[in-house]
């Protein structure tokens, strides 16, 4: 006998589909009621599953908004590792961010819908900052694995992530050019800023 009523409610057993239903339900409810007035039980009910099923997929109601972070982290660290030997840290990161563009574009419709909810919710802003810090740490480790010393690896990972974020913001404001173009412009601006320090 099943320990929840998923089978009774005829909810698909495919885990990915259940996760997507929970994510969509959370977004709908956060937009309707606000984050603070929505519970995990509310999200589960909207998705047609039990609260227990919700917690099989997500640790809390914040995490439901940041499900793609692990995929992005694995893609970026793998891309850094694949850059030809001898490539300097920032160019290696720039190449890795270019590899992530298809993933970013694929998730854009959902990302755009979530953005105002995150901007209006301190708990989600905090989780977003924590996720970004985790990406910086992962990129630092990826650079260290290439032989970059710890202080330089950490600095380049942080600067690279900030430059990537700037490119994303520019792309959001100007879709006349694709994300690859905005990435190149942002990293070129970074190079110009560094040269100005000489």
C-alpha atoms as a PDB file:
ATOM      1  CA  UNK A   1       0.000   0.000   0.000  1.00  0.00           C
ATOM      2  CA  UNK A   2       1.325   3.422  -0.902  1.00  0.00           C
ATOM      3  CA  UNK A   3       2.234   5.788   1.917  1.00  0.00           C
ATOM      4  CA  UNK A   4       0.503   8.728   0.273  1.00  0.00           C
ATOM      5  CA  UNK A   5      -2.446   9.298  -1.987  1.00  0.00           C
ATOM      6  CA  UNK A   6      -0.565  10.024  -5.212  1.00  0.00           C
ATOM      7  CA  UNK A   7      -2.001   6.933  -6.886  1.00  0.00           C
ATOM      8  CA  UNK A   8      -5.523   7.924  -5.894  1.00  0.00           C
ATOM      9  CA  UNK A   9      -5.023  11.386  -7.364  1.00  0.00           C
ATOM     10  CA  UNK A  10      -3.570   9.895 -10.559  1.00  0.00           C
ATOM     11  CA  UNK A  11      -0.452  12.026 -10.339  1.00  0.00           C
ATOM     12  CA  UNK A  12       2.278  10.938 -12.759  1.00  0.00           C
ATOM     13  CA  UNK A  13       4.998   8.813 -11.177  1.00  0.00           C
ATOM     14  CA  UNK A  14       7.692  10.449 -13.266  1.00  0.00           C
ATOM     15  CA  UNK A  15       9.827  12.328 -10.730  1.00  0.00           C
ATOM     16  CA  UNK A  16      10.798  15.100 -13.123  1.00  0.00           C
ATOM     17  CA  UNK A  17       7.177  15.784 -14.006  1.00  0.00           C
ATOM     18  CA  UNK A  18       6.187  15.904 -10.332  1.00  0.00           C
ATOM     19  CA  UNK A  19       8.999  18.384  -9.639  1.00  0.00           C
ATOM     20  CA  UNK A  20       7.839  20.581 -12.496  1.00  0.00           C
ATOM     21  CA  UNK A  21       4.264  20.504 -11.202  1.00  0.00           C
ATOM     22  CA  UNK A  22       5.446  21.498  -7.740  1.00  0.00           C
ATOM     23  CA  UNK A  23       7.567  24.327  -9.141  1.00  0.00           C
ATOM     24  CA  UNK A  24       4.699  25.661 -11.239  1.00  0.00           C
ATOM     25  CA  UNK A  25       2.307  25.394  -8.288  1.00  0.00           C
ATOM     26  CA  UNK A  26       4.732  27.287  -6.057  1.00  0.00           C
ATOM     27  CA  UNK A  27       5.131  30.059  -8.603  1.00  0.00           C
ATOM     28  CA  UNK A  28       1.367  30.395  -9.047  1.00  0.00           C
ATOM     29  CA  UNK A  29       0.776  30.576  -5.307  1.00  0.00           C
ATOM     30  CA  UNK A  30       3.627  32.993  -4.610  1.00  0.00           C
ATOM     31  CA  UNK A  31       2.233  35.300  -7.281  1.00  0.00           C
ATOM     32  CA  UNK A  32      -1.328  34.976  -5.964  1.00  0.00           C
ATOM     33  CA  UNK A  33      -0.770  35.062  -2.196  1.00  0.00           C
ATOM     34  CA  UNK A  34       2.847  35.996  -1.663  1.00  0.00           C
ATOM     35  CA  UNK A  35       5.636  33.779  -0.390  1.00  0.00           C
ATOM     36  CA  UNK A  36       4.968  34.279   3.322  1.00  0.00           C
ATOM     37  CA  UNK A  37       1.312  33.234   3.062  1.00  0.00           C
ATOM     38  CA  UNK A  38       2.078  30.054   1.126  1.00  0.00           C
ATOM     39  CA  UNK A  39       3.021  26.775   2.827  1.00  0.00           C
ATOM     40  CA  UNK A  40       4.586  23.622   1.484  1.00  0.00           C
ATOM     41  CA  UNK A  41       1.228  21.935   2.064  1.00  0.00           C
ATOM     42  CA  UNK A  42      -0.457  24.583  -0.093  1.00  0.00           C
ATOM     43  CA  UNK A  43       2.027  23.963  -2.901  1.00  0.00           C
ATOM     44  CA  UNK A  44       1.559  20.203  -2.683  1.00  0.00           C
ATOM     45  CA  UNK A  45      -2.222  20.545  -2.749  1.00  0.00           C
ATOM     46  CA  UNK A  46      -2.089  22.834  -5.799  1.00  0.00           C
ATOM     47  CA  UNK A  47       0.151  20.308  -7.566  1.00  0.00           C
ATOM     48  CA  UNK A  48      -2.153  17.426  -6.639  1.00  0.00           C
ATOM     49  CA  UNK A  49       0.303  15.560  -4.411  1.00  0.00           C
ATOM     50  CA  UNK A  50       0.821  15.188  -0.691  1.00  0.00           C
ATOM     51  CA  UNK A  51       3.031  17.328   1.497  1.00  0.00           C
ATOM     52  CA  UNK A  52       5.191  14.273   2.045  1.00  0.00           C
ATOM     53  CA  UNK A  53       5.783  14.080  -1.705  1.00  0.00           C
ATOM     54  CA  UNK A  54       6.783  17.751  -1.717  1.00  0.00           C
ATOM     55  CA  UNK A  55       9.511  17.062   0.854  1.00  0.00           C
ATOM     56  CA  UNK A  56      10.783  14.116  -1.154  1.00  0.00           C
ATOM     57  CA  UNK A  57      11.709  16.587  -3.859  1.00  0.00           C
ATOM     58  CA  UNK A  58      12.547  19.815  -1.993  1.00  0.00           C
ATOM     59  CA  UNK A  59      13.952  20.537   1.441  1.00  0.00           C
ATOM     60  CA  UNK A  60      11.769  23.627   1.937  1.00  0.00           C
ATOM     61  CA  UNK A  61       9.544  26.088   0.104  1.00  0.00           C
ATOM     62  CA  UNK A  62      12.515  28.267  -0.817  1.00  0.00           C
ATOM     63  CA  UNK A  63      14.385  25.476  -2.560  1.00  0.00           C
ATOM     64  CA  UNK A  64      11.552  24.899  -5.024  1.00  0.00           C
ATOM     65  CA  UNK A  65      12.666  28.092  -6.801  1.00  0.00           C
ATOM     66  CA  UNK A  66      16.339  27.116  -7.154  1.00  0.00           C
ATOM     67  CA  UNK A  67      16.179  23.605  -8.524  1.00  0.00           C
ATOM     68  CA  UNK A  68      18.426  24.312 -11.537  1.00  0.00           C
ATOM     69  CA  UNK A  69      21.455  25.493  -9.550  1.00  0.00           C
ATOM     70  CA  UNK A  70      23.063  22.039  -9.397  1.00  0.00           C
ATOM     71  CA  UNK A  71      22.769  21.591 -13.159  1.00  0.00           C
ATOM     72  CA  UNK A  72      24.352  24.998 -13.765  1.00  0.00           C
ATOM     73  CA  UNK A  73      27.150  24.298 -11.274  1.00  0.00           C
ATOM     74  CA  UNK A  74      27.980  20.947 -12.855  1.00  0.00           C
ATOM     75  CA  UNK A  75      27.917  22.445 -16.347  1.00  0.00           C
ATOM     76  CA  UNK A  76      30.200  25.353 -15.415  1.00  0.00           C
ATOM     77  CA  UNK A  77      32.734  23.314 -13.462  1.00  0.00           C
ATOM     78  CA  UNK A  78      32.849  20.717 -16.224  1.00  0.00           C
ATOM     79  CA  UNK A  79      33.365  23.447 -18.811  1.00  0.00           C
ATOM     80  CA  UNK A  80      36.203  24.996 -16.793  1.00  0.00           C
ATOM     81  CA  UNK A  81      37.882  21.586 -16.586  1.00  0.00           C
ATOM     82  CA  UNK A  82      37.549  21.128 -20.352  1.00  0.00           C
ATOM     83  CA  UNK A  83      39.237  24.419 -21.300  1.00  0.00           C
ATOM     84  CA  UNK A  84      42.652  23.787 -22.920  1.00  0.00           C
ATOM     85  CA  UNK A  85      45.606  23.634 -20.559  1.00  0.00           C
ATOM     86  CA  UNK A  86      47.438  26.911 -20.187  1.00  0.00           C
ATOM     87  CA  UNK A  87      44.328  29.065 -20.516  1.00  0.00           C
ATOM     88  CA  UNK A  88      44.362  31.852 -17.922  1.00  0.00           C
ATOM     89  CA  UNK A  89      41.669  31.838 -15.220  1.00  0.00           C
ATOM     90  CA  UNK A  90      39.343  34.583 -16.477  1.00  0.00           C
ATOM     91  CA  UNK A  91      39.373  33.427 -20.121  1.00  0.00           C
ATOM     92  CA  UNK A  92      38.644  29.913 -18.828  1.00  0.00           C
ATOM     93  CA  UNK A  93      35.642  31.229 -16.934  1.00  0.00           C
ATOM     94  CA  UNK A  94      34.499  33.267 -19.908  1.00  0.00           C
ATOM     95  CA  UNK A  95      34.542  30.104 -22.051  1.00  0.00           C
ATOM     96  CA  UNK A  96      32.609  28.216 -19.373  1.00  0.00           C
ATOM     97  CA  UNK A  97      29.903  30.875 -19.164  1.00  0.00           C
ATOM     98  CA  UNK A  98      29.490  30.709 -22.935  1.00  0.00           C
ATOM     99  CA  UNK A  99      28.898  26.965 -22.579  1.00  0.00           C
ATOM    100  CA  UNK A 100      26.079  27.728 -20.126  1.00  0.00           C
ATOM    101  CA  UNK A 101      24.157  29.991 -22.519  1.00  0.00           C
ATOM    102  CA  UNK A 102      21.863  27.253 -23.944  1.00  0.00           C
ATOM    103  CA  UNK A 103      20.877  26.232 -20.413  1.00  0.00           C
ATOM    104  CA  UNK A 104      20.155  29.841 -19.418  1.00  0.00           C
ATOM    105  CA  UNK A 105      18.097  30.395 -22.569  1.00  0.00           C
ATOM    106  CA  UNK A 106      16.123  27.192 -22.027  1.00  0.00           C
ATOM    107  CA  UNK A 107      15.095  28.248 -18.518  1.00  0.00           C
ATOM    108  CA  UNK A 108      14.448  31.894 -19.414  1.00  0.00           C
ATOM    109  CA  UNK A 109      10.604  31.792 -19.482  1.00  0.00           C
ATOM    110  CA  UNK A 110      10.460  30.427 -15.927  1.00  0.00           C
ATOM    111  CA  UNK A 111      13.338  32.581 -14.707  1.00  0.00           C
ATOM    112  CA  UNK A 112      11.607  35.747 -15.872  1.00  0.00           C
ATOM    113  CA  UNK A 113       8.380  34.809 -14.098  1.00  0.00           C
ATOM    114  CA  UNK A 114      10.212  34.043 -10.866  1.00  0.00           C
ATOM    115  CA  UNK A 115      12.346  37.190 -10.842  1.00  0.00           C
ATOM    116  CA  UNK A 116       9.756  39.608  -9.388  1.00  0.00           C
ATOM    117  CA  UNK A 117       8.834  37.118  -6.666  1.00  0.00           C
ATOM    118  CA  UNK A 118      12.468  36.750  -5.635  1.00  0.00           C
ATOM    119  CA  UNK A 119      13.007  40.510  -5.750  1.00  0.00           C
ATOM    120  CA  UNK A 120      10.048  41.053  -3.406  1.00  0.00           C
ATOM    121  CA  UNK A 121      10.892  38.266  -0.939  1.00  0.00           C
ATOM    122  CA  UNK A 122      13.847  38.588   1.497  1.00  0.00           C
ATOM    123  CA  UNK A 123      13.935  34.842   2.204  1.00  0.00           C
ATOM    124  CA  UNK A 124      14.272  34.082  -1.498  1.00  0.00           C
ATOM    125  CA  UNK A 125      16.855  36.834  -1.984  1.00  0.00           C
ATOM    126  CA  UNK A 126      18.891  35.275   0.819  1.00  0.00           C
ATOM    127  CA  UNK A 127      18.692  31.842  -0.785  1.00  0.00           C
ATOM    128  CA  UNK A 128      19.636  33.315  -4.163  1.00  0.00           C
ATOM    129  CA  UNK A 129      22.733  34.923  -2.654  1.00  0.00           C
ATOM    130  CA  UNK A 130      23.654  31.640  -0.983  1.00  0.00           C
ATOM    131  CA  UNK A 131      23.301  29.784  -4.269  1.00  0.00           C
ATOM    132  CA  UNK A 132      25.523  32.335  -6.019  1.00  0.00           C
ATOM    133  CA  UNK A 133      28.126  31.979  -3.265  1.00  0.00           C
ATOM    134  CA  UNK A 134      28.003  28.225  -3.795  1.00  0.00           C
ATOM    135  CA  UNK A 135      28.663  28.683  -7.513  1.00  0.00           C
ATOM    136  CA  UNK A 136      31.625  30.949  -6.746  1.00  0.00           C
ATOM    137  CA  UNK A 137      33.039  28.318  -4.384  1.00  0.00           C
ATOM    138  CA  UNK A 138      32.591  25.594  -7.000  1.00  0.00           C
ATOM    139  CA  UNK A 139      34.310  27.700  -9.661  1.00  0.00           C
ATOM    140  CA  UNK A 140      37.135  28.448  -7.226  1.00  0.00           C
ATOM    141  CA  UNK A 141      37.637  24.703  -6.747  1.00  0.00           C
ATOM    142  CA  UNK A 142      37.510  24.150 -10.509  1.00  0.00           C
ATOM    143  CA  UNK A 143      40.239  26.732 -11.049  1.00  0.00           C
ATOM    144  CA  UNK A 144      42.346  25.290  -8.237  1.00  0.00           C
ATOM    145  CA  UNK A 145      42.072  21.897  -9.923  1.00  0.00           C
ATOM    146  CA  UNK A 146      43.697  23.533 -12.954  1.00  0.00           C
ATOM    147  CA  UNK A 147      46.641  24.624 -10.799  1.00  0.00           C
ATOM    148  CA  UNK A 148      45.533  28.179 -10.021  1.00  0.00           C
ATOM    149  CA  UNK A 149      46.635  29.262  -6.562  1.00  0.00           C
ATOM    150  CA  UNK A 150      43.877  29.656  -3.949  1.00  0.00           C
ATOM    151  CA  UNK A 151      43.838  33.474  -3.563  1.00  0.00           C
ATOM    152  CA  UNK A 152      43.852  34.072  -7.319  1.00  0.00           C
ATOM    153  CA  UNK A 153      41.319  31.312  -7.955  1.00  0.00           C
ATOM    154  CA  UNK A 154      38.892  32.783  -5.418  1.00  0.00           C
ATOM    155  CA  UNK A 155      39.315  36.310  -6.771  1.00  0.00           C
ATOM    156  CA  UNK A 156      38.835  35.267 -10.389  1.00  0.00           C
ATOM    157  CA  UNK A 157      35.806  33.122  -9.540  1.00  0.00           C
ATOM    158  CA  UNK A 158      34.122  36.042  -7.769  1.00  0.00           C
ATOM    159  CA  UNK A 159      34.992  38.577 -10.463  1.00  0.00           C
ATOM    160  CA  UNK A 160      33.985  36.149 -13.186  1.00  0.00           C
ATOM    161  CA  UNK A 161      30.616  35.492 -11.547  1.00  0.00           C
ATOM    162  CA  UNK A 162      29.990  39.225 -11.111  1.00  0.00           C
ATOM    163  CA  UNK A 163      30.811  39.793 -14.780  1.00  0.00           C
ATOM    164  CA  UNK A 164      28.493  36.967 -15.806  1.00  0.00           C
ATOM    165  CA  UNK A 165      25.730  38.488 -13.661  1.00  0.00           C
ATOM    166  CA  UNK A 166      26.280  41.867 -15.302  1.00  0.00           C
ATOM    167  CA  UNK A 167      25.911  40.241 -18.719  1.00  0.00           C
ATOM    168  CA  UNK A 168      22.654  38.591 -17.648  1.00  0.00           C
ATOM    169  CA  UNK A 169      21.275  41.932 -16.446  1.00  0.00           C
ATOM    170  CA  UNK A 170      22.270  43.644 -19.687  1.00  0.00           C
ATOM    171  CA  UNK A 171      20.658  40.880 -21.704  1.00  0.00           C
ATOM    172  CA  UNK A 172      17.445  41.221 -19.691  1.00  0.00           C
ATOM    173  CA  UNK A 173      17.368  44.932 -20.514  1.00  0.00           C
ATOM    174  CA  UNK A 174      18.387  44.560 -24.171  1.00  0.00           C
ATOM    175  CA  UNK A 175      17.326  41.466 -26.106  1.00  0.00           C
ATOM    176  CA  UNK A 176      18.495  43.057 -29.340  1.00  0.00           C
ATOM    177  CA  UNK A 177      21.719  41.110 -28.913  1.00  0.00           C
ATOM    178  CA  UNK A 178      22.063  37.538 -27.725  1.00  0.00           C
ATOM    179  CA  UNK A 179      23.575  36.478 -24.411  1.00  0.00           C
ATOM    180  CA  UNK A 180      26.863  35.452 -26.042  1.00  0.00           C
ATOM    181  CA  UNK A 181      27.313  39.034 -27.245  1.00  0.00           C
ATOM    182  CA  UNK A 182      26.523  40.482 -23.819  1.00  0.00           C
ATOM    183  CA  UNK A 183      28.988  38.072 -22.198  1.00  0.00           C
ATOM    184  CA  UNK A 184      31.757  39.162 -24.554  1.00  0.00           C
ATOM    185  CA  UNK A 185      30.993  42.832 -23.925  1.00  0.00           C
ATOM    186  CA  UNK A 186      30.965  42.386 -20.156  1.00  0.00           C
ATOM    187  CA  UNK A 187      34.285  40.537 -20.142  1.00  0.00           C
ATOM    188  CA  UNK A 188      35.771  43.125 -22.492  1.00  0.00           C
ATOM    189  CA  UNK A 189      34.630  45.849 -20.070  1.00  0.00           C
ATOM    190  CA  UNK A 190      36.317  43.916 -17.285  1.00  0.00           C
ATOM    191  CA  UNK A 191      39.550  43.820 -19.299  1.00  0.00           C
ATOM    192  CA  UNK A 192      39.345  47.579 -19.899  1.00  0.00           C
ATOM    193  CA  UNK A 193      38.750  48.204 -16.204  1.00  0.00           C
ATOM    194  CA  UNK A 194      41.753  46.058 -15.292  1.00  0.00           C
ATOM    195  CA  UNK A 195      43.934  47.877 -17.806  1.00  0.00           C
ATOM    196  CA  UNK A 196      42.896  51.193 -16.251  1.00  0.00           C
ATOM    197  CA  UNK A 197      44.561  50.069 -13.017  1.00  0.00           C
ATOM    198  CA  UNK A 198      47.955  49.792 -14.654  1.00  0.00           C
END
